[in-house]
Amino acid sequence: MYMDKVHAIIIIYNPNMGNLKVLANALSSQVECVWVIDNGSKEQFILSDITDNQNIHLVLLHINVGIAKAQNLGVKYAKEQGADYFIFFDQDSVIQHDLVFKLKEDFIKISKKEKIAALGPIFFDTRFNFMYPQIILNKYGVRKRIVPTYNSGPLEVSFIISSGTLTSRVIFDDVGDMNEKFFIDYVDTEWCLRAKAKGYKIFSDTRVQMEHSIGDGNIKFLFWKLPVHSPIRRYYRMRNMYYLFKLDYVPFILKIREFITNTIHQLLITIASNNKKDYIKSWYKSQIDGLKIVFGKNL
């Protein structure tokens, strides 16, 4: 007999209320409880702003504590209400009416054969009409990008985006909380790699597709489309790669790759932006703080 109480955790920060209402209400019919954790938005909401459904709960945080801590708080509340599974979402995710049902069904099916830590959907960006590639690392940490084919079976990967990720209470207790030092960016990557270091596997479910947008836009460079984030998001992206350097379960080649690609990405965004000053300032601060991390105490 399988445990079956699923709680959804949505982390929000200055959300588009129309999108949030659609997501929360779509989830309310698929899970036992929806936790909407507001990460210190400028405008404080009341529950009726989001939904009339009784199984949706709004938690207002007065400051932005970061996505990692907000997710951990959501898990804490869900555990207190007897949740057996957790599924995480960003505020701008668009889901199908049966997304949670399919993920849970496939999670249970895969768990009969594999030591699975987490299962997530595949992602399609409707703004730019492309499927996000999935990432597989070999034993040396060399990346391989695979564009998933819809409904082609479960795809074992090395890490997945947190939005849409389903895991169980037992697994989360074993792997541990999201690392709150990361605040935002690499939070999902670090957790997945930590789970893999404990012998678990990560899967993408190719029969479950979700609309998702990364960044505020993109710039095209040669054959790649690079997502563009705000200067503050770029700060955390650049700083947190130094946290990865402190973790022995993160492959060395991946660490070097992230340093090189992030640096190039930062340079290209700075050149292309009309807001060069703020990008340069965030870049400089990220390097100073990153070096303190590398030469400071362990995590």
Protein backbone atom coordinates (compact mmCIF):
# COMPACT_ATOMS: atom_id res chain seq x y z
CA MET A 1 0.00 0.00 0.00
CA TYR A 2 1.47 3.38 -0.99
CA MET A 3 1.31 6.64 0.86
CA ASP A 4 -0.80 9.08 -1.06
CA LYS A 5 -1.12 12.54 0.51
CA VAL A 6 0.44 15.06 -1.86
CA HIS A 7 0.99 18.68 -0.83
CA ALA A 8 1.97 21.33 -3.38
CA ILE A 9 4.32 24.17 -2.41
CA ILE A 10 4.29 27.34 -4.52
CA ILE A 11 6.95 29.98 -3.81
CA ILE A 12 5.90 33.48 -4.88
CA TYR A 13 7.52 36.91 -5.01
CA ASN A 14 5.65 39.85 -6.53
CA PRO A 15 3.58 37.44 -8.66
CA ASN A 16 1.20 38.04 -11.51
CA MET A 17 -2.01 37.39 -9.59
CA GLY A 18 -3.89 36.11 -12.62
CA ASN A 19 -1.26 33.44 -13.30
CA LEU A 20 -1.04 32.54 -9.61
CA LYS A 21 -4.81 32.04 -9.31
CA VAL A 22 -4.86 29.72 -12.30
CA LEU A 23 -1.95 27.65 -10.94
CA ALA A 24 -3.24 27.44 -7.35
CA ASN A 25 -6.75 26.47 -8.44
CA ALA A 26 -5.44 23.90 -10.92
CA LEU A 27 -3.39 22.31 -8.15
CA SER A 28 -6.19 22.39 -5.57
CA SER A 29 -8.10 19.67 -7.43
CA GLN A 30 -5.01 17.43 -7.73
CA VAL A 31 -3.51 17.53 -4.23
CA GLU A 32 -4.66 17.41 -0.62
CA CYS A 33 -3.25 20.83 0.18
CA VAL A 34 -1.59 23.78 -1.59
CA TRP A 35 0.86 25.97 0.36
CA VAL A 36 1.47 29.40 -1.17
CA ILE A 37 4.58 30.84 0.47
CA ASP A 38 4.88 34.56 -0.22
CA ASN A 39 8.53 35.56 -0.02
CA GLY A 40 8.13 39.14 1.17
CA SER A 41 6.28 40.61 -1.83
CA LYS A 42 5.85 44.39 -1.92
CA GLU A 43 2.09 43.97 -1.92
CA GLN A 44 0.69 41.80 0.86
CA PHE A 45 -2.13 39.50 -0.20
CA ILE A 46 -5.10 37.94 1.53
CA LEU A 47 -6.25 34.43 0.76
CA SER A 48 -9.33 35.58 -1.15
CA ASP A 49 -7.00 37.38 -3.59
CA ILE A 50 -5.75 33.96 -4.66
CA THR A 51 -8.64 31.54 -4.30
CA ASP A 52 -11.84 30.55 -2.55
CA ASN A 53 -10.75 26.91 -2.23
CA GLN A 54 -10.39 25.67 1.33
CA ASN A 55 -7.36 23.47 0.71
CA ILE A 56 -5.16 26.41 -0.30
CA HIS A 57 -3.17 28.12 2.46
CA LEU A 58 -1.28 31.40 2.19
CA VAL A 59 1.82 32.00 4.32
CA LEU A 60 3.08 35.59 4.35
CA LEU A 61 6.76 36.15 5.03
CA HIS A 62 7.68 39.74 5.81
CA ILE A 63 11.10 39.55 4.15
CA ASN A 64 12.53 37.66 1.21
CA VAL A 65 14.22 34.69 2.85
CA GLY A 66 15.18 33.08 -0.48
CA ILE A 67 13.60 30.22 -2.37
CA ALA A 68 15.51 27.52 -0.45
CA LYS A 69 14.28 28.59 2.99
CA ALA A 70 10.77 29.27 1.67
CA GLN A 71 10.66 25.73 0.24
CA ASN A 72 11.87 24.32 3.56
CA LEU A 73 9.15 26.22 5.38
CA GLY A 74 6.57 24.84 2.95
CA VAL A 75 7.85 21.32 3.61
CA LYS A 76 7.66 21.94 7.37
CA TYR A 77 4.01 23.03 7.18
CA ALA A 78 3.19 20.13 4.87
CA LYS A 79 4.80 17.61 7.23
CA GLU A 80 2.81 18.99 10.15
CA GLN A 81 -0.37 18.26 8.16
CA GLY A 82 0.68 14.70 7.34
CA ALA A 83 1.96 15.06 3.77
CA ASP A 84 3.56 11.99 2.21
CA TYR A 85 4.71 13.68 -1.00
CA PHE A 86 5.78 17.24 -1.83
CA ILE A 87 5.66 18.89 -5.23
CA PHE A 88 7.28 22.30 -5.76
CA PHE A 89 6.25 25.09 -8.12
CA ASP A 90 7.35 28.55 -9.22
CA GLN A 91 4.70 31.26 -9.48
CA ASP A 92 4.77 31.40 -13.30
CA SER A 93 4.35 27.68 -13.99
CA VAL A 94 1.43 26.54 -16.16
CA ILE A 95 0.25 22.99 -15.55
CA GLN A 96 -2.08 20.42 -17.07
CA HIS A 97 -5.18 19.22 -15.20
CA ASP A 98 -3.61 15.81 -14.52
CA LEU A 99 0.07 16.75 -14.03
CA VAL A 100 0.29 15.72 -10.37
CA PHE A 101 -1.65 12.50 -10.93
CA LYS A 102 0.68 11.42 -13.72
CA LEU A 103 3.85 12.34 -11.82
CA LYS A 104 2.73 10.48 -8.73
CA GLU A 105 1.69 7.42 -10.72
CA ASP A 106 5.03 7.31 -12.55
CA PHE A 107 7.02 8.04 -9.37
CA ILE A 108 5.49 4.99 -7.70
CA LYS A 109 6.04 2.88 -10.82
CA ILE A 110 9.71 3.87 -11.13
CA SER A 111 10.32 3.41 -7.40
CA LYS A 112 9.51 -0.28 -7.73
CA LYS A 113 12.64 -0.72 -9.87
CA GLU A 114 14.90 2.22 -9.06
CA LYS A 115 16.02 4.20 -6.00
CA ILE A 116 14.38 7.41 -7.17
CA ALA A 117 14.78 10.72 -5.32
CA ALA A 118 12.75 13.05 -7.51
CA LEU A 119 10.67 13.13 -10.68
CA GLY A 120 9.89 16.22 -12.72
CA PRO A 121 8.17 17.11 -15.99
CA ILE A 122 9.78 18.19 -19.22
CA PHE A 123 9.55 21.89 -20.02
CA PHE A 124 8.37 23.84 -23.02
CA ASP A 125 8.86 27.61 -23.39
CA THR A 126 5.88 29.01 -25.29
CA ARG A 127 7.53 32.44 -25.59
CA PHE A 128 10.31 31.15 -27.80
CA ASN A 129 8.80 27.83 -28.94
CA PHE A 130 11.44 25.38 -27.76
CA MET A 131 11.82 22.39 -25.44
CA TYR A 132 14.36 22.75 -22.66
CA PRO A 133 17.14 20.17 -22.90
CA GLN A 134 17.76 17.79 -20.01
CA ILE A 135 21.24 17.41 -18.54
CA ILE A 136 23.12 14.17 -18.00
CA LEU A 137 26.60 14.08 -16.42
CA ASN A 138 29.03 11.25 -16.99
CA LYS A 139 31.17 9.98 -14.10
CA TYR A 140 33.72 12.72 -14.76
CA GLY A 141 31.15 15.50 -14.71
CA VAL A 142 31.06 16.14 -18.47
CA ARG A 143 27.61 17.36 -19.51
CA LYS A 144 25.44 15.95 -22.25
CA ARG A 145 22.34 17.88 -23.33
CA ILE A 146 19.35 15.82 -24.46
CA VAL A 147 16.22 17.37 -25.93
CA PRO A 148 13.50 15.05 -24.62
CA THR A 149 10.91 13.44 -26.86
CA TYR A 150 7.38 13.68 -25.56
CA ASN A 151 5.95 10.45 -24.10
CA SER A 152 9.12 8.42 -24.64
CA GLY A 153 9.28 7.01 -21.11
CA PRO A 154 11.16 8.10 -17.97
CA LEU A 155 14.51 9.75 -18.69
CA GLU A 156 17.26 9.46 -16.08
CA VAL A 157 19.03 12.80 -15.69
CA SER A 158 21.50 14.37 -13.28
CA PHE A 159 19.35 17.22 -12.01
CA ILE A 160 16.00 18.85 -12.71
CA ILE A 161 14.35 22.25 -12.33
CA SER A 162 12.59 22.53 -8.97
CA SER A 163 9.26 23.68 -10.43
CA GLY A 164 7.16 20.56 -10.92
CA THR A 165 9.52 18.36 -8.92
CA LEU A 166 7.84 15.59 -6.94
CA THR A 167 9.58 13.83 -4.06
CA SER A 168 8.48 11.93 -0.99
CA ARG A 169 8.68 12.79 2.68
CA VAL A 170 10.88 9.76 3.39
CA ILE A 171 13.35 10.74 0.65
CA PHE A 172 13.41 14.41 1.64
CA ASP A 173 14.17 13.45 5.24
CA ASP A 174 17.04 11.26 4.05
CA VAL A 175 18.59 13.70 1.55
CA GLY A 176 17.97 16.74 3.76
CA ASP A 177 16.54 20.23 3.39
CA MET A 178 17.26 22.63 0.56
CA ASN A 179 20.54 24.42 1.25
CA GLU A 180 19.48 27.85 2.51
CA LYS A 181 22.93 29.39 2.00
CA PHE A 182 22.24 29.35 -1.74
CA PHE A 183 19.18 31.62 -1.32
CA ILE A 184 18.27 31.26 -5.02
CA ASP A 185 19.98 29.64 -8.06
CA TYR A 186 21.60 26.20 -7.97
CA VAL A 187 19.27 25.23 -5.09
CA ASP A 188 17.68 22.43 -7.13
CA THR A 189 20.98 21.42 -8.73
CA GLU A 190 22.74 21.07 -5.37
CA TRP A 191 19.90 19.05 -3.85
CA CYS A 192 19.77 16.65 -6.80
CA LEU A 193 23.53 16.10 -6.78
CA ARG A 194 23.42 15.54 -3.02
CA ALA A 195 20.69 12.95 -3.55
CA LYS A 196 22.74 11.21 -6.26
CA ALA A 197 25.73 11.11 -3.88
CA LYS A 198 23.51 9.12 -1.50
CA GLY A 199 22.73 6.60 -4.23
CA TYR A 200 19.44 7.99 -5.53
CA LYS A 201 18.48 8.62 -9.15
CA ILE A 202 16.73 11.63 -10.70
CA PHE A 203 14.21 11.28 -13.54
CA SER A 204 12.31 13.46 -15.98
CA ASP A 205 8.85 12.21 -16.90
CA THR A 206 8.48 12.66 -20.66
CA ARG A 207 4.73 12.05 -20.62
CA VAL A 208 4.27 15.14 -18.44
CA GLN A 209 4.95 18.48 -20.13
CA MET A 210 4.80 21.84 -18.39
CA GLU A 211 5.01 25.39 -19.66
CA HIS A 212 7.82 27.26 -17.97
CA SER A 213 9.85 30.38 -18.65
CA ILE A 214 13.43 30.93 -17.52
CA GLY A 215 14.66 34.49 -17.21
CA ASP A 216 13.09 37.80 -18.17
CA GLY A 217 14.02 37.33 -21.84
CA ASN A 218 16.96 36.02 -23.81
CA ILE A 219 19.82 36.97 -26.06
CA LYS A 220 21.00 34.91 -28.99
CA PHE A 221 24.66 34.00 -29.24
CA LEU A 222 25.73 31.79 -32.18
CA PHE A 223 23.51 28.69 -31.83
CA TRP A 224 22.38 29.33 -28.24
CA LYS A 225 19.62 31.32 -26.61
CA LEU A 226 20.87 32.62 -23.27
CA PRO A 227 18.30 33.56 -20.60
CA VAL A 228 18.59 37.07 -19.19
CA HIS A 229 18.03 37.64 -15.48
CA SER A 230 18.11 40.81 -13.41
CA PRO A 231 21.43 42.02 -11.92
CA ILE A 232 20.50 40.69 -8.47
CA ARG A 233 19.70 37.24 -9.90
CA ARG A 234 22.99 37.30 -11.77
CA TYR A 235 24.70 38.10 -8.46
CA TYR A 236 23.37 34.92 -6.87
CA ARG A 237 24.10 32.86 -9.97
CA MET A 238 27.72 34.01 -10.00
CA ARG A 239 28.21 33.84 -6.25
CA ASN A 240 26.62 30.43 -5.73
CA MET A 241 28.91 28.68 -8.20
CA TYR A 242 31.60 29.26 -5.58
CA TYR A 243 29.51 27.33 -3.07
CA LEU A 244 29.59 24.44 -5.55
CA PHE A 245 33.39 24.51 -5.37
CA LYS A 246 33.14 23.65 -1.65
CA LEU A 247 31.06 20.50 -2.20
CA ASP A 248 32.87 17.22 -2.81
CA TYR A 249 29.82 15.58 -4.45
CA VAL A 250 29.81 18.15 -7.26
CA PRO A 251 32.11 16.90 -10.07
CA PHE A 252 35.20 19.05 -10.59
CA ILE A 253 34.65 19.36 -14.36
CA LEU A 254 31.13 20.65 -13.72
CA LYS A 255 32.51 23.26 -11.32
CA ILE A 256 34.99 24.48 -13.93
CA ARG A 257 32.35 24.48 -16.65
CA GLU A 258 29.94 26.53 -14.53
CA PHE A 259 32.68 29.06 -13.78
CA ILE A 260 33.59 29.47 -17.46
CA THR A 261 30.05 29.53 -18.88
CA ASN A 262 28.72 31.82 -16.14
CA THR A 263 31.56 34.25 -16.72
CA ILE A 264 30.97 34.30 -20.48
CA HIS A 265 27.21 34.58 -19.93
CA GLN A 266 27.70 37.50 -17.55
CA LEU A 267 29.97 39.25 -20.04
CA LEU A 268 27.49 38.85 -22.90
CA ILE A 269 24.54 40.06 -20.82
CA THR A 270 26.52 43.06 -19.62
CA ILE A 271 27.51 43.99 -23.17
CA ALA A 272 23.95 43.58 -24.46
CA SER A 273 22.26 45.39 -21.58
CA ASN A 274 21.30 49.04 -21.31
CA ASN A 275 21.86 48.67 -17.59
CA LYS A 276 25.58 47.91 -17.73
CA LYS A 277 26.44 49.67 -14.47
CA ASP A 278 24.23 47.47 -12.30
CA TYR A 279 25.39 44.27 -14.02
CA ILE A 280 29.02 45.25 -13.48
CA LYS A 281 28.36 46.07 -9.81
CA SER A 282 26.57 42.76 -9.20
CA TRP A 283 29.36 40.91 -11.00
CA TYR A 284 32.04 42.56 -8.88
CA LYS A 285 30.20 41.90 -5.61
CA SER A 286 29.58 38.25 -6.56
CA GLN A 287 33.30 37.69 -7.10
CA ILE A 288 34.30 39.32 -3.82
CA ASP A 289 31.71 37.31 -1.88
CA GLY A 290 32.55 34.17 -3.84
CA LEU A 291 36.22 34.36 -2.94
CA LYS A 292 35.25 34.74 0.72
CA ILE A 293 33.25 31.53 0.38
CA VAL A 294 36.11 29.60 -1.26
CA PHE A 295 38.70 30.69 1.28
CA GLY A 296 36.35 30.76 4.25
CA LYS A 297 34.82 28.01 6.33
CA ASN A 298 33.05 24.99 4.88
CA LEU A 299 29.31 25.02 4.28
